């Protein structure tokens, strides 16, 4: 999954994604999906 698509889906910047998960960012974000949703509320 392209990082840009992940960033748009979770409403976070690409820099944040790379900071959170330089590798396997998609897998980590899937695990943290709820955490990001809570942040957006």
C-alpha atoms as a PDB file:
ATOM      1  CA  UNK A   1       0.000   0.000   0.000  1.00  0.00           C
ATOM      2  CA  UNK A   2       1.476   3.396  -0.941  1.00  0.00           C
ATOM      3  CA  UNK A   3       2.371   5.526   2.060  1.00  0.00           C
ATOM      4  CA  UNK A   4       0.478   8.462   0.564  1.00  0.00           C
ATOM      5  CA  UNK A   5      -2.704   6.373   0.502  1.00  0.00           C
ATOM      6  CA  UNK A   6      -2.172   5.358   4.120  1.00  0.00           C
ATOM      7  CA  UNK A   7      -1.611   8.980   5.109  1.00  0.00           C
ATOM      8  CA  UNK A   8      -4.868  10.048   3.465  1.00  0.00           C
ATOM      9  CA  UNK A   9      -6.798   7.130   4.963  1.00  0.00           C
ATOM     10  CA  UNK A  10      -5.666   7.808   8.530  1.00  0.00           C
ATOM     11  CA  UNK A  11      -5.445  11.569   8.260  1.00  0.00           C
ATOM     12  CA  UNK A  12      -1.781  11.666   9.231  1.00  0.00           C
ATOM     13  CA  UNK A  13       1.269  13.027   7.452  1.00  0.00           C
ATOM     14  CA  UNK A  14       3.759  10.844   5.623  1.00  0.00           C
ATOM     15  CA  UNK A  15       6.452  12.105   7.986  1.00  0.00           C
ATOM     16  CA  UNK A  16       4.443  10.787  10.941  1.00  0.00           C
ATOM     17  CA  UNK A  17       4.110   7.399   9.281  1.00  0.00           C
ATOM     18  CA  UNK A  18       7.828   7.144   8.600  1.00  0.00           C
ATOM     19  CA  UNK A  19       8.526   8.212  12.182  1.00  0.00           C
ATOM     20  CA  UNK A  20       6.117   5.618  13.589  1.00  0.00           C
ATOM     21  CA  UNK A  21       7.140   2.827  11.227  1.00  0.00           C
ATOM     22  CA  UNK A  22      10.081   3.333   8.877  1.00  0.00           C
ATOM     23  CA  UNK A  23       9.570  -0.267   7.716  1.00  0.00           C
ATOM     24  CA  UNK A  24       6.322  -2.190   7.313  1.00  0.00           C
ATOM     25  CA  UNK A  25       4.395   1.029   7.915  1.00  0.00           C
ATOM     26  CA  UNK A  26       1.221  -0.498   6.490  1.00  0.00           C
ATOM     27  CA  UNK A  27       1.272  -3.404   8.927  1.00  0.00           C
ATOM     28  CA  UNK A  28       1.963  -1.192  11.914  1.00  0.00           C
ATOM     29  CA  UNK A  29      -0.744   1.264  10.916  1.00  0.00           C
ATOM     30  CA  UNK A  30      -3.237  -1.572  10.637  1.00  0.00           C
ATOM     31  CA  UNK A  31      -2.419  -2.418  14.250  1.00  0.00           C
ATOM     32  CA  UNK A  32      -2.675   1.242  15.260  1.00  0.00           C
ATOM     33  CA  UNK A  33      -5.790   1.966  13.210  1.00  0.00           C
ATOM     34  CA  UNK A  34      -8.018   2.499  16.237  1.00  0.00           C
ATOM     35  CA  UNK A  35      -5.414   4.705  17.871  1.00  0.00           C
ATOM     36  CA  UNK A  36      -5.385   7.006  14.845  1.00  0.00           C
ATOM     37  CA  UNK A  37      -9.186   7.062  14.722  1.00  0.00           C
ATOM     38  CA  UNK A  38      -9.281   8.156  18.352  1.00  0.00           C
ATOM     39  CA  UNK A  39      -6.785  10.919  17.585  1.00  0.00           C
ATOM     40  CA  UNK A  40      -8.958  12.263  14.773  1.00  0.00           C
ATOM     41  CA  UNK A  41     -12.077  12.500  16.973  1.00  0.00           C
END
